[in-house]
N, C-alpha and C. Protein backbone atom coordinates (compact mmCIF):
# COMPACT_ATOMS: atom_id res chain seq x y z
N MET A 1 -64.69 -11.60 41.09
CA MET A 1 -65.93 -11.79 40.37
C MET A 1 -66.72 -10.48 40.39
N LEU A 2 -67.58 -10.31 39.43
CA LEU A 2 -68.37 -9.10 39.33
C LEU A 2 -69.55 -9.15 40.29
N ALA A 3 -69.81 -8.06 40.93
CA ALA A 3 -70.94 -7.96 41.85
C ALA A 3 -71.92 -6.94 41.31
N LYS A 4 -73.16 -7.02 41.76
CA LYS A 4 -74.17 -6.06 41.35
C LYS A 4 -73.72 -4.66 41.74
N VAL A 5 -73.75 -3.73 40.80
CA VAL A 5 -73.21 -2.40 41.02
C VAL A 5 -74.29 -1.49 41.58
N THR A 6 -73.97 -0.82 42.66
CA THR A 6 -74.84 0.22 43.19
C THR A 6 -74.15 1.54 42.93
N PHE A 7 -74.86 2.46 42.32
CA PHE A 7 -74.27 3.73 41.94
C PHE A 7 -74.20 4.66 43.14
N LEU A 8 -73.01 5.21 43.37
CA LEU A 8 -72.81 6.13 44.47
C LEU A 8 -72.81 7.56 43.94
N SER A 9 -73.42 8.46 44.67
CA SER A 9 -73.50 9.84 44.21
C SER A 9 -72.19 10.58 44.40
N CYS A 10 -71.22 9.99 45.13
CA CYS A 10 -69.96 10.68 45.37
C CYS A 10 -68.96 10.48 44.24
N ILE A 11 -69.31 9.72 43.21
CA ILE A 11 -68.41 9.51 42.08
C ILE A 11 -68.40 10.76 41.22
N THR A 12 -67.21 11.21 40.87
CA THR A 12 -67.07 12.38 40.01
C THR A 12 -66.52 11.95 38.66
N MET A 13 -66.61 12.84 37.69
CA MET A 13 -66.13 12.53 36.35
C MET A 13 -64.63 12.28 36.33
N SER A 14 -63.89 12.88 37.25
CA SER A 14 -62.44 12.72 37.26
C SER A 14 -62.03 11.32 37.72
N ASP A 15 -62.97 10.54 38.24
CA ASP A 15 -62.66 9.17 38.66
C ASP A 15 -62.53 8.23 37.46
N PHE A 16 -62.92 8.66 36.29
CA PHE A 16 -62.90 7.81 35.10
C PHE A 16 -61.83 8.30 34.14
N THR A 17 -61.08 7.37 33.58
CA THR A 17 -60.11 7.71 32.54
C THR A 17 -60.22 6.67 31.44
N PHE A 18 -60.58 7.12 30.26
CA PHE A 18 -60.73 6.24 29.11
C PHE A 18 -60.05 6.87 27.92
N SER A 19 -59.54 6.02 27.05
CA SER A 19 -59.10 6.51 25.75
C SER A 19 -60.33 6.58 24.85
N GLY A 20 -60.21 7.27 23.75
CA GLY A 20 -61.33 7.35 22.82
C GLY A 20 -61.71 5.99 22.27
N TYR A 21 -60.71 5.14 22.04
CA TYR A 21 -60.97 3.81 21.51
C TYR A 21 -61.73 2.96 22.52
N GLU A 22 -61.35 3.04 23.79
CA GLU A 22 -62.04 2.28 24.83
C GLU A 22 -63.49 2.72 24.97
N LEU A 23 -63.69 4.03 25.06
CA LEU A 23 -65.05 4.55 25.23
C LEU A 23 -65.92 4.20 24.02
N ALA A 24 -65.33 4.27 22.82
CA ALA A 24 -66.07 3.92 21.60
C ALA A 24 -66.49 2.45 21.63
N CYS A 25 -65.61 1.59 22.11
CA CYS A 25 -65.94 0.16 22.20
C CYS A 25 -67.08 -0.08 23.18
N PHE A 26 -67.05 0.59 24.33
CA PHE A 26 -68.10 0.40 25.33
C PHE A 26 -69.43 0.94 24.83
N VAL A 27 -69.40 2.03 24.08
CA VAL A 27 -70.64 2.58 23.52
C VAL A 27 -71.22 1.61 22.49
N THR A 28 -70.35 1.04 21.66
CA THR A 28 -70.80 0.12 20.62
C THR A 28 -71.50 -1.09 21.22
N HIS A 29 -71.01 -1.58 22.37
CA HIS A 29 -71.57 -2.79 22.99
C HIS A 29 -72.50 -2.47 24.15
N SER A 30 -73.12 -1.31 24.14
CA SER A 30 -73.97 -0.91 25.26
C SER A 30 -75.45 -1.19 25.04
N GLY A 31 -75.80 -1.86 23.97
CA GLY A 31 -77.19 -2.21 23.74
C GLY A 31 -77.94 -1.24 22.85
N LEU A 32 -77.25 -0.33 22.20
CA LEU A 32 -77.89 0.59 21.26
C LEU A 32 -78.09 -0.10 19.92
N SER A 33 -78.95 0.48 19.08
CA SER A 33 -79.11 -0.05 17.73
C SER A 33 -77.79 0.11 16.98
N ARG A 34 -77.66 -0.60 15.87
CA ARG A 34 -76.39 -0.59 15.15
C ARG A 34 -76.00 0.81 14.68
N SER A 35 -76.94 1.53 14.08
CA SER A 35 -76.60 2.87 13.59
C SER A 35 -76.29 3.82 14.74
N ALA A 36 -77.06 3.74 15.82
CA ALA A 36 -76.80 4.61 16.98
C ALA A 36 -75.45 4.29 17.60
N GLY A 37 -75.12 3.01 17.70
CA GLY A 37 -73.82 2.63 18.24
C GLY A 37 -72.68 3.14 17.39
N HIS A 38 -72.84 3.08 16.07
CA HIS A 38 -71.80 3.56 15.17
C HIS A 38 -71.63 5.07 15.28
N ILE A 39 -72.73 5.79 15.29
CA ILE A 39 -72.67 7.25 15.37
C ILE A 39 -72.06 7.68 16.70
N LEU A 40 -72.53 7.11 17.80
CA LEU A 40 -72.04 7.53 19.11
C LEU A 40 -70.62 7.05 19.38
N SER A 41 -70.20 5.95 18.76
CA SER A 41 -68.82 5.52 18.96
C SER A 41 -67.86 6.50 18.30
N GLN A 42 -68.26 7.07 17.17
CA GLN A 42 -67.41 8.08 16.54
C GLN A 42 -67.38 9.36 17.37
N CYS A 43 -68.50 9.69 17.99
CA CYS A 43 -68.53 10.87 18.86
C CYS A 43 -67.80 10.62 20.17
N ALA A 44 -67.73 9.37 20.60
CA ALA A 44 -67.06 9.03 21.86
C ALA A 44 -65.57 9.31 21.78
N ASN A 45 -64.99 9.17 20.59
CA ASN A 45 -63.58 9.50 20.44
C ASN A 45 -63.32 10.96 20.81
N LEU A 46 -64.21 11.83 20.38
CA LEU A 46 -64.08 13.25 20.71
C LEU A 46 -64.38 13.50 22.18
N ALA A 47 -65.38 12.83 22.71
CA ALA A 47 -65.77 13.03 24.11
C ALA A 47 -64.68 12.59 25.07
N ALA A 48 -63.92 11.57 24.70
CA ALA A 48 -62.86 11.07 25.59
C ALA A 48 -61.71 12.06 25.72
N THR A 49 -61.61 13.00 24.80
CA THR A 49 -60.54 14.00 24.90
C THR A 49 -60.88 15.09 25.91
N THR A 50 -62.12 15.17 26.34
CA THR A 50 -62.53 16.18 27.32
C THR A 50 -62.54 15.56 28.71
N SER A 51 -62.39 16.38 29.72
CA SER A 51 -62.37 15.85 31.09
C SER A 51 -63.76 15.50 31.59
N GLU A 52 -64.80 16.07 30.97
CA GLU A 52 -66.17 15.83 31.42
C GLU A 52 -66.95 14.91 30.48
N TYR A 53 -66.30 14.36 29.49
CA TYR A 53 -66.91 13.42 28.55
C TYR A 53 -68.19 14.00 27.94
N PHE A 54 -68.07 15.12 27.26
CA PHE A 54 -69.24 15.73 26.63
C PHE A 54 -69.06 15.82 25.12
N ILE A 55 -70.20 15.93 24.43
CA ILE A 55 -70.26 16.10 22.98
C ILE A 55 -71.03 17.38 22.73
N HIS A 56 -70.38 18.33 22.11
CA HIS A 56 -71.03 19.61 21.82
C HIS A 56 -70.76 19.94 20.36
N LYS A 57 -71.58 19.35 19.51
CA LYS A 57 -71.39 19.48 18.07
C LYS A 57 -72.76 19.44 17.41
N PRO A 58 -73.00 20.24 16.39
CA PRO A 58 -74.31 20.20 15.72
C PRO A 58 -74.56 18.84 15.05
N HIS A 59 -75.82 18.44 15.04
CA HIS A 59 -76.19 17.17 14.41
C HIS A 59 -75.81 17.16 12.93
N ARG A 60 -75.88 18.32 12.31
CA ARG A 60 -75.56 18.44 10.89
C ARG A 60 -74.11 18.02 10.62
N LEU A 61 -73.18 18.47 11.46
CA LEU A 61 -71.77 18.12 11.28
C LEU A 61 -71.51 16.65 11.60
N ILE A 62 -72.17 16.15 12.61
CA ILE A 62 -72.01 14.73 12.95
C ILE A 62 -72.52 13.87 11.80
N ALA A 63 -73.64 14.27 11.19
CA ALA A 63 -74.18 13.53 10.05
C ALA A 63 -73.20 13.53 8.89
N ALA A 64 -72.57 14.67 8.64
CA ALA A 64 -71.60 14.76 7.55
C ALA A 64 -70.37 13.88 7.82
N GLU A 65 -69.94 13.82 9.07
CA GLU A 65 -68.75 13.03 9.42
C GLU A 65 -69.03 11.53 9.40
N THR A 66 -70.22 11.13 9.82
CA THR A 66 -70.52 9.70 9.93
C THR A 66 -71.13 9.11 8.68
N GLY A 67 -71.67 9.94 7.80
CA GLY A 67 -72.28 9.43 6.59
C GLY A 67 -73.74 9.04 6.75
N TYR A 68 -74.32 9.33 7.90
CA TYR A 68 -75.74 9.07 8.13
C TYR A 68 -76.53 10.35 7.89
N SER A 69 -77.84 10.22 7.74
CA SER A 69 -78.67 11.41 7.57
C SER A 69 -78.80 12.13 8.91
N GLN A 70 -79.18 13.38 8.84
CA GLN A 70 -79.32 14.17 10.05
C GLN A 70 -80.43 13.61 10.95
N SER A 71 -81.50 13.12 10.36
CA SER A 71 -82.58 12.56 11.18
C SER A 71 -82.13 11.28 11.88
N THR A 72 -81.28 10.48 11.25
CA THR A 72 -80.75 9.28 11.90
C THR A 72 -79.86 9.65 13.07
N VAL A 73 -79.08 10.71 12.91
CA VAL A 73 -78.22 11.19 14.00
C VAL A 73 -79.08 11.66 15.17
N VAL A 74 -80.13 12.40 14.89
CA VAL A 74 -81.03 12.88 15.94
C VAL A 74 -81.66 11.69 16.66
N ARG A 75 -82.12 10.68 15.90
CA ARG A 75 -82.70 9.49 16.52
C ARG A 75 -81.68 8.74 17.37
N ALA A 76 -80.44 8.68 16.93
CA ALA A 76 -79.40 7.99 17.69
C ALA A 76 -79.16 8.66 19.03
N PHE A 77 -79.08 9.99 19.03
CA PHE A 77 -78.87 10.71 20.28
C PHE A 77 -80.10 10.58 21.18
N ARG A 78 -81.29 10.62 20.60
CA ARG A 78 -82.51 10.47 21.39
C ARG A 78 -82.57 9.07 22.03
N GLU A 79 -82.16 8.06 21.28
CA GLU A 79 -82.14 6.69 21.81
C GLU A 79 -81.15 6.59 22.97
N ALA A 80 -79.98 7.20 22.83
CA ALA A 80 -78.97 7.15 23.89
C ALA A 80 -79.45 7.89 25.14
N VAL A 81 -80.16 9.00 24.95
CA VAL A 81 -80.70 9.74 26.10
C VAL A 81 -81.79 8.91 26.78
N ASN A 82 -82.67 8.29 25.99
CA ASN A 82 -83.75 7.47 26.56
C ASN A 82 -83.22 6.27 27.32
N LYS A 83 -82.09 5.73 26.89
CA LYS A 83 -81.52 4.56 27.56
C LYS A 83 -80.60 4.94 28.71
N GLY A 84 -80.40 6.22 28.95
CA GLY A 84 -79.60 6.65 30.10
C GLY A 84 -78.11 6.67 29.85
N ILE A 85 -77.69 6.60 28.61
CA ILE A 85 -76.27 6.63 28.29
C ILE A 85 -75.78 8.07 28.23
N LEU A 86 -76.61 8.95 27.71
CA LEU A 86 -76.28 10.37 27.61
C LEU A 86 -77.32 11.19 28.35
N SER A 87 -76.89 12.36 28.80
CA SER A 87 -77.84 13.37 29.28
C SER A 87 -77.73 14.54 28.33
N VAL A 88 -78.81 15.29 28.17
CA VAL A 88 -78.82 16.38 27.20
C VAL A 88 -79.11 17.69 27.91
N GLU A 89 -78.44 18.73 27.43
CA GLU A 89 -78.68 20.09 27.90
C GLU A 89 -78.92 20.94 26.66
N ILE A 90 -80.09 21.53 26.56
CA ILE A 90 -80.42 22.35 25.40
C ILE A 90 -79.77 23.71 25.58
N VAL A 91 -79.06 24.16 24.55
CA VAL A 91 -78.30 25.40 24.63
C VAL A 91 -79.00 26.47 23.80
N ILE A 92 -79.25 27.62 24.42
CA ILE A 92 -79.87 28.77 23.76
C ILE A 92 -78.84 29.90 23.73
N GLY A 93 -78.69 30.55 22.58
CA GLY A 93 -77.72 31.63 22.44
C GLY A 93 -78.19 32.93 23.06
N ASP A 94 -77.36 33.96 22.93
CA ASP A 94 -77.67 35.28 23.50
C ASP A 94 -78.91 35.90 22.88
N HIS A 95 -79.11 35.65 21.60
CA HIS A 95 -80.26 36.24 20.90
C HIS A 95 -81.39 35.23 20.75
N ARG A 96 -81.50 34.33 21.72
CA ARG A 96 -82.56 33.33 21.80
C ARG A 96 -82.58 32.39 20.60
N GLU A 97 -81.43 32.15 20.00
CA GLU A 97 -81.35 31.19 18.91
C GLU A 97 -80.86 29.85 19.45
N ARG A 98 -81.28 28.78 18.79
CA ARG A 98 -80.87 27.43 19.21
C ARG A 98 -79.42 27.20 18.83
N ARG A 99 -78.68 26.61 19.71
CA ARG A 99 -77.31 26.19 19.47
C ARG A 99 -77.27 24.67 19.52
N ALA A 100 -76.11 24.12 19.26
CA ALA A 100 -75.95 22.66 19.34
C ALA A 100 -76.18 22.20 20.78
N ASN A 101 -76.93 21.11 20.93
CA ASN A 101 -77.17 20.56 22.26
C ASN A 101 -75.87 20.08 22.88
N LEU A 102 -75.81 20.12 24.19
CA LEU A 102 -74.65 19.63 24.92
C LEU A 102 -75.02 18.27 25.51
N TYR A 103 -74.37 17.23 25.03
CA TYR A 103 -74.61 15.87 25.51
C TYR A 103 -73.44 15.46 26.39
N ARG A 104 -73.76 14.83 27.52
CA ARG A 104 -72.72 14.30 28.42
C ARG A 104 -73.00 12.83 28.66
N PHE A 105 -71.93 12.06 28.74
CA PHE A 105 -72.09 10.67 29.16
C PHE A 105 -72.46 10.67 30.63
N THR A 106 -73.47 9.89 30.98
CA THR A 106 -73.97 9.88 32.36
C THR A 106 -72.97 9.16 33.26
N PRO A 107 -72.94 9.53 34.54
CA PRO A 107 -72.05 8.83 35.48
C PRO A 107 -72.34 7.34 35.56
N SER A 108 -73.61 6.94 35.41
CA SER A 108 -73.92 5.50 35.46
C SER A 108 -73.32 4.77 34.26
N PHE A 109 -73.34 5.40 33.07
CA PHE A 109 -72.71 4.76 31.92
C PHE A 109 -71.20 4.71 32.09
N LEU A 110 -70.61 5.78 32.61
CA LEU A 110 -69.16 5.79 32.82
C LEU A 110 -68.76 4.76 33.88
N ALA A 111 -69.63 4.55 34.87
CA ALA A 111 -69.37 3.50 35.87
C ALA A 111 -69.40 2.13 35.21
N PHE A 112 -70.36 1.93 34.28
CA PHE A 112 -70.39 0.68 33.51
C PHE A 112 -69.11 0.51 32.72
N ALA A 113 -68.67 1.57 32.05
CA ALA A 113 -67.46 1.49 31.24
C ALA A 113 -66.24 1.18 32.11
N GLN A 114 -66.16 1.80 33.28
CA GLN A 114 -65.03 1.53 34.19
C GLN A 114 -65.08 0.09 34.68
N GLN A 115 -66.26 -0.39 35.04
CA GLN A 115 -66.41 -1.77 35.50
C GLN A 115 -66.06 -2.75 34.37
N ALA A 116 -66.47 -2.43 33.15
CA ALA A 116 -66.16 -3.28 32.00
C ALA A 116 -64.66 -3.29 31.74
N LYS A 117 -64.03 -2.15 31.88
CA LYS A 117 -62.58 -2.06 31.70
C LYS A 117 -61.86 -2.91 32.75
N ASN A 118 -62.32 -2.83 34.00
CA ASN A 118 -61.73 -3.63 35.07
C ASN A 118 -61.96 -5.13 34.83
N ALA A 119 -63.15 -5.48 34.34
CA ALA A 119 -63.45 -6.89 34.06
C ALA A 119 -62.56 -7.43 32.94
N LEU A 120 -62.28 -6.60 31.94
CA LEU A 120 -61.38 -7.03 30.87
C LEU A 120 -59.97 -7.24 31.41
N ILE A 121 -59.53 -6.36 32.30
CA ILE A 121 -58.20 -6.50 32.90
C ILE A 121 -58.13 -7.77 33.74
N GLU A 122 -59.19 -8.04 34.52
CA GLU A 122 -59.23 -9.26 35.34
C GLU A 122 -59.20 -10.52 34.47
N SER A 123 -59.83 -10.45 33.30
CA SER A 123 -59.86 -11.59 32.39
C SER A 123 -58.60 -11.67 31.53
N LYS A 124 -57.68 -10.75 31.75
CA LYS A 124 -56.43 -10.67 30.99
C LYS A 124 -56.70 -10.49 29.50
N LEU A 125 -57.68 -9.65 29.21
CA LEU A 125 -58.04 -9.33 27.83
C LEU A 125 -57.83 -7.84 27.59
N LYS A 126 -57.65 -7.50 26.34
CA LYS A 126 -57.62 -6.11 25.92
C LYS A 126 -58.80 -5.91 24.98
N ILE A 127 -59.13 -4.68 24.72
CA ILE A 127 -60.24 -4.41 23.81
C ILE A 127 -59.93 -4.95 22.42
N SER A 128 -58.66 -4.97 22.08
CA SER A 128 -58.26 -5.47 20.76
C SER A 128 -58.12 -6.99 20.72
N SER A 129 -58.47 -7.69 21.81
CA SER A 129 -58.42 -9.16 21.84
C SER A 129 -59.55 -9.73 20.98
N ALA A 130 -59.67 -11.05 21.01
CA ALA A 130 -60.71 -11.72 20.22
C ALA A 130 -62.08 -11.13 20.54
N ALA A 131 -62.80 -10.77 19.51
CA ALA A 131 -64.07 -10.05 19.68
C ALA A 131 -65.10 -10.83 20.48
N THR A 132 -65.17 -12.14 20.27
CA THR A 132 -66.19 -12.92 20.98
C THR A 132 -65.92 -12.95 22.48
N LYS A 133 -64.66 -13.02 22.87
CA LYS A 133 -64.32 -13.03 24.30
C LYS A 133 -64.62 -11.67 24.93
N VAL A 134 -64.27 -10.60 24.21
CA VAL A 134 -64.53 -9.25 24.72
C VAL A 134 -66.03 -9.01 24.84
N LYS A 135 -66.79 -9.43 23.83
CA LYS A 135 -68.25 -9.26 23.87
C LYS A 135 -68.87 -10.02 25.03
N ALA A 136 -68.35 -11.21 25.33
CA ALA A 136 -68.88 -12.00 26.43
C ALA A 136 -68.65 -11.29 27.77
N VAL A 137 -67.46 -10.73 27.96
CA VAL A 137 -67.16 -10.02 29.21
C VAL A 137 -68.02 -8.76 29.31
N LEU A 138 -68.17 -8.03 28.20
CA LEU A 138 -68.98 -6.81 28.22
C LEU A 138 -70.46 -7.13 28.46
N ALA A 139 -70.94 -8.24 27.92
CA ALA A 139 -72.34 -8.63 28.15
C ALA A 139 -72.59 -8.96 29.62
N LYS A 140 -71.64 -9.63 30.26
CA LYS A 140 -71.77 -9.93 31.69
C LYS A 140 -71.80 -8.65 32.51
N THR A 141 -70.94 -7.71 32.15
CA THR A 141 -70.89 -6.44 32.87
C THR A 141 -72.16 -5.63 32.63
N LEU A 142 -72.64 -5.63 31.40
CA LEU A 142 -73.84 -4.88 31.06
C LEU A 142 -75.06 -5.39 31.83
N ALA A 143 -75.10 -6.68 32.10
CA ALA A 143 -76.23 -7.27 32.84
C ALA A 143 -76.30 -6.75 34.27
N LEU A 144 -75.20 -6.23 34.79
CA LEU A 144 -75.17 -5.74 36.17
C LEU A 144 -75.68 -4.31 36.31
N PHE A 145 -75.83 -3.62 35.20
CA PHE A 145 -76.22 -2.21 35.24
C PHE A 145 -77.65 -2.04 34.78
N ASN A 146 -78.30 -1.00 35.30
CA ASN A 146 -79.69 -0.76 34.96
C ASN A 146 -79.88 0.59 34.29
N PHE A 147 -78.85 1.11 33.59
CA PHE A 147 -79.05 2.38 32.90
C PHE A 147 -79.83 2.21 31.62
N LEU A 148 -80.03 0.98 31.16
CA LEU A 148 -80.84 0.74 29.97
C LEU A 148 -82.31 0.67 30.35
N SER A 149 -83.16 0.98 29.39
CA SER A 149 -84.60 0.94 29.65
C SER A 149 -85.03 -0.51 29.85
N THR A 150 -86.11 -0.68 30.59
CA THR A 150 -86.60 -2.03 30.86
C THR A 150 -87.36 -2.56 29.65
N PRO A 151 -87.31 -3.87 29.42
CA PRO A 151 -88.05 -4.43 28.29
C PRO A 151 -89.55 -4.36 28.56
N PRO A 152 -90.37 -4.39 27.51
CA PRO A 152 -91.81 -4.32 27.72
C PRO A 152 -92.33 -5.56 28.43
N CYS A 153 -93.42 -5.38 29.14
CA CYS A 153 -94.06 -6.47 29.87
C CYS A 153 -94.67 -7.45 28.86
N GLN A 154 -94.69 -8.74 29.21
CA GLN A 154 -95.24 -9.73 28.30
C GLN A 154 -96.74 -9.57 28.11
N ASN A 155 -97.41 -8.95 29.06
CA ASN A 155 -98.86 -8.77 28.95
C ASN A 155 -99.23 -7.60 28.05
N ASP A 156 -98.27 -6.73 27.76
CA ASP A 156 -98.55 -5.60 26.88
C ASP A 156 -98.77 -6.11 25.46
N THR A 157 -99.76 -5.56 24.79
CA THR A 157 -99.98 -5.95 23.40
C THR A 157 -99.02 -5.16 22.54
N PRO A 158 -98.32 -5.83 21.64
CA PRO A 158 -97.37 -5.11 20.80
C PRO A 158 -98.10 -4.23 19.79
N SER A 159 -97.46 -3.15 19.42
CA SER A 159 -98.06 -2.29 18.42
C SER A 159 -97.98 -2.99 17.07
N PRO A 160 -98.97 -2.78 16.21
CA PRO A 160 -98.95 -3.47 14.93
C PRO A 160 -97.77 -3.00 14.09
N CYS A 161 -97.17 -3.95 13.39
CA CYS A 161 -96.05 -3.55 12.55
C CYS A 161 -96.60 -2.91 11.28
N GLN A 162 -95.71 -2.31 10.54
CA GLN A 162 -96.12 -1.55 9.37
C GLN A 162 -96.81 -2.46 8.35
N ASP A 163 -96.35 -3.69 8.21
CA ASP A 163 -96.95 -4.60 7.24
C ASP A 163 -98.38 -4.96 7.62
N ASP A 164 -98.63 -5.18 8.92
CA ASP A 164 -99.98 -5.51 9.38
C ASP A 164 -100.96 -4.38 9.06
N VAL A 165 -100.52 -3.16 9.29
CA VAL A 165 -101.38 -2.00 9.01
C VAL A 165 -101.63 -1.88 7.52
N ALA A 166 -100.60 -2.12 6.71
CA ALA A 166 -100.76 -2.02 5.26
C ALA A 166 -101.73 -3.08 4.74
N ILE A 167 -101.63 -4.29 5.26
CA ILE A 167 -102.54 -5.37 4.84
C ILE A 167 -103.97 -5.03 5.23
N LYS A 168 -104.16 -4.53 6.45
CA LYS A 168 -105.50 -4.17 6.92
C LYS A 168 -106.10 -3.07 6.05
N ASN A 169 -105.29 -2.05 5.72
CA ASN A 169 -105.77 -0.96 4.87
C ASN A 169 -106.12 -1.46 3.48
N LYS A 170 -105.31 -2.38 2.96
CA LYS A 170 -105.57 -2.90 1.62
C LYS A 170 -106.89 -3.68 1.59
N LYS A 171 -107.15 -4.49 2.63
CA LYS A 171 -108.39 -5.25 2.69
C LYS A 171 -109.59 -4.33 2.77
N SER A 172 -109.50 -3.27 3.54
CA SER A 172 -110.64 -2.36 3.65
C SER A 172 -110.87 -1.61 2.34
N GLN A 173 -109.80 -1.34 1.58
CA GLN A 173 -109.96 -0.67 0.29
C GLN A 173 -110.65 -1.60 -0.71
N VAL A 174 -110.32 -2.89 -0.66
CA VAL A 174 -110.95 -3.85 -1.56
C VAL A 174 -112.44 -3.95 -1.26
N LYS A 175 -112.82 -3.96 0.02
CA LYS A 175 -114.23 -4.02 0.40
C LYS A 175 -114.97 -2.78 -0.09
N LYS A 176 -114.35 -1.62 0.02
CA LYS A 176 -114.99 -0.38 -0.43
C LYS A 176 -115.23 -0.44 -1.93
N LYS A 177 -114.27 -0.95 -2.68
CA LYS A 177 -114.41 -1.01 -4.13
C LYS A 177 -115.54 -1.96 -4.52
N LYS A 178 -115.66 -3.08 -3.81
CA LYS A 178 -116.74 -4.02 -4.11
C LYS A 178 -118.09 -3.39 -3.81
N ASP A 179 -118.17 -2.59 -2.75
CA ASP A 179 -119.42 -1.93 -2.41
C ASP A 179 -119.78 -0.86 -3.43
N GLN A 180 -118.78 -0.22 -4.00
CA GLN A 180 -119.04 0.84 -4.96
C GLN A 180 -119.59 0.30 -6.28
N PHE A 181 -119.13 -0.88 -6.67
CA PHE A 181 -119.55 -1.46 -7.93
C PHE A 181 -120.31 -2.75 -7.68
N PRO A 182 -121.64 -2.65 -7.44
CA PRO A 182 -122.41 -3.87 -7.21
C PRO A 182 -122.49 -4.67 -8.51
N ALA A 183 -122.76 -5.95 -8.38
CA ALA A 183 -122.85 -6.81 -9.55
C ALA A 183 -123.95 -6.30 -10.48
N VAL A 184 -123.72 -6.38 -11.77
CA VAL A 184 -124.69 -5.89 -12.75
C VAL A 184 -125.85 -6.89 -12.81
N PRO A 185 -127.08 -6.42 -12.53
CA PRO A 185 -128.22 -7.36 -12.58
C PRO A 185 -128.52 -7.74 -14.03
N GLU A 186 -129.03 -8.95 -14.18
CA GLU A 186 -129.39 -9.40 -15.52
C GLU A 186 -130.67 -8.71 -15.95
N ARG A 187 -130.80 -8.47 -17.22
CA ARG A 187 -132.01 -7.84 -17.75
C ARG A 187 -133.10 -8.90 -17.89
N PRO A 188 -134.31 -8.52 -17.52
CA PRO A 188 -135.39 -9.51 -17.61
C PRO A 188 -135.72 -9.89 -19.06
N ASP A 189 -135.52 -9.02 -20.03
CA ASP A 189 -135.88 -9.32 -21.40
C ASP A 189 -134.80 -10.13 -22.13
N SER A 190 -133.65 -10.33 -21.52
CA SER A 190 -132.58 -11.05 -22.20
C SER A 190 -132.62 -12.55 -21.94
N LYS A 191 -133.64 -13.03 -21.20
CA LYS A 191 -133.74 -14.46 -20.93
C LYS A 191 -134.22 -15.19 -22.17
N ASN A 192 -133.74 -16.37 -22.37
CA ASN A 192 -134.14 -17.18 -23.53
C ASN A 192 -135.31 -18.04 -23.25
C-alpha cells in the first residue's frame, strides 16, 4: 500500500529512470492546466533522454513545435515552476545576452513519478492500460505528495472574475450618461 512520502535529500537524479512516454504521462496527470500539461508533456520526451531531466530550449521553438503561442508556453513553464514541478535557472551569455532558460524537473516531482510508476506496477497496470484505472492510481499517488501549491483558504475572498468587473464598469458608465443628460424640463409657456 502507498504510504505518505517524505522526501530525502540523499536522492540523486540517477536514482530515477523513465522513458519519455512515462514522464510525459506523469506530467500530464500532475495537476497542471490542460495547455500546460500538453506543452510540458511534449518537452518531457526530450527531458527523459538526458540524465538530469532538464529542458534547455527557447520558448519560441517550443511554441512552434507544440502549436501554442509563445506567451502560453511561458505561462505553462511559470505554472510548472510555481507548482514545484520544475526549477528554473536563468542563463546569461558571455556578452550579457539572455539565453534560453534551463528548466529541470525537481527531485520531488521525480520522486512522485517513481512512486506512481511503482504503484502502477503493484496494480499490474501499464501506462497504456485503461485510462480510468491509470488515472485513479495516479490520483492516489498525487495525493501523497505536496509539491503542488496549496489551495486557497475558504475565508479568502475570491478575486472578481472578468465578467463581474465588466458588468460593474457597464453600470457605472450608464449612471454617468444619465448624469450628463438630465431630463429636459417642460417649458412654462407650453402648458394648455
